Protein backbone atom coordinates (compact mmCIF):
# COMPACT_ATOMS: atom_id res chain seq x y z
CA MET A 1 87.83 103.60 -22.95
CA ALA A 2 87.07 104.11 -19.87
CA ASP A 3 88.73 104.14 -16.49
CA SER A 4 86.47 101.62 -14.72
CA SER A 5 87.55 103.13 -11.19
CA GLU A 6 85.98 106.40 -11.79
CA GLY A 7 84.09 105.57 -14.51
CA ARG A 8 85.74 108.84 -16.56
CA PRO A 9 87.71 108.70 -19.87
CA ALA A 10 91.67 108.40 -18.59
CA GLY A 11 92.91 111.11 -20.77
CA ARG A 12 89.62 113.32 -19.02
CA ARG A 13 91.29 112.26 -15.81
CA ARG A 14 94.77 113.29 -17.18
CA ALA A 15 93.88 116.89 -18.13
CA SER A 16 92.63 117.29 -14.84
CA TRP A 17 96.18 116.23 -13.21
CA SER A 18 97.45 118.59 -16.10
CA LEU A 19 95.58 121.67 -14.80
CA TRP A 20 96.48 121.19 -11.40
CA LEU A 21 99.87 121.73 -12.13
CA LEU A 22 99.26 125.39 -12.88
CA LEU A 23 98.39 125.70 -9.40
CA ILE A 24 101.86 124.71 -8.00
CA LEU A 25 103.40 128.17 -8.29
CA VAL A 26 100.22 130.47 -6.91
CA PRO A 27 100.82 129.73 -2.97
CA LEU A 28 104.14 130.43 -3.43
CA THR A 29 104.02 134.15 -5.30
CA MET A 30 101.04 134.81 -2.98
CA TRP A 31 103.26 134.28 0.05
CA VAL A 32 104.85 137.48 0.40
CA PRO A 33 107.09 136.59 3.44
CA LEU A 34 108.71 134.19 1.72
CA TYR A 35 110.62 136.08 -0.70
CA ASN A 36 110.66 139.94 1.04
CA ARG A 37 113.92 139.72 1.83
CA VAL A 38 117.41 140.88 0.07
CA GLU A 39 119.47 138.13 1.37
CA PRO A 40 120.79 135.35 -0.12
CA THR A 41 121.86 136.91 -3.32
CA LEU A 42 122.72 135.54 -6.77
CA ALA A 43 125.35 137.06 -8.74
CA GLY A 44 124.54 140.12 -7.76
CA PHE A 45 120.50 139.87 -7.59
CA PRO A 46 118.65 140.15 -4.48
CA PHE A 47 116.52 137.30 -3.41
CA PHE A 48 113.53 139.05 -4.82
CA TYR A 49 114.20 139.49 -8.10
CA TRP A 50 115.77 135.82 -8.77
CA PHE A 51 113.00 134.43 -6.85
CA GLN A 52 111.01 135.99 -9.05
CA LEU A 53 112.44 135.35 -12.32
CA LEU A 54 112.97 131.84 -11.53
CA SER A 55 108.96 131.51 -10.68
CA ILE A 56 108.10 132.53 -14.24
CA VAL A 57 110.52 130.31 -15.91
CA ILE A 58 108.94 127.33 -13.64
CA GLY A 59 105.81 128.71 -14.52
CA ALA A 60 106.38 128.77 -18.30
CA VAL A 61 107.71 125.00 -18.28
CA LEU A 62 104.32 124.07 -15.70
CA THR A 63 102.26 126.08 -18.62
CA ALA A 64 104.01 124.08 -21.42
CA LEU A 65 103.77 120.64 -19.63
CA ALA A 66 100.02 121.46 -19.26
CA TYR A 67 99.15 122.56 -22.60
CA PHE A 68 101.45 119.13 -24.10
CA MET A 69 99.60 116.72 -21.39
CA THR A 70 96.29 118.39 -22.92
CA LYS A 71 96.86 119.13 -26.20
CA ASN A 72 95.43 115.49 -27.86
CA ASP A 73 92.38 115.59 -25.98
């Protein structure tokens, strides 16, 4: 079934949005001054380390979400 507003199948439009999810963390991890600091600490870990670990977890969740959104396409 085609979407009348864009002329593309609805699944194809959903796939393109899910792939954009993968680009959310790229600017955050490339912008080094954002996390190039020690404070604040979390459980004794400097900000740099827990920011990197948190971005890995968020990246894995976004990758899984994009995968499941495009799985049936």
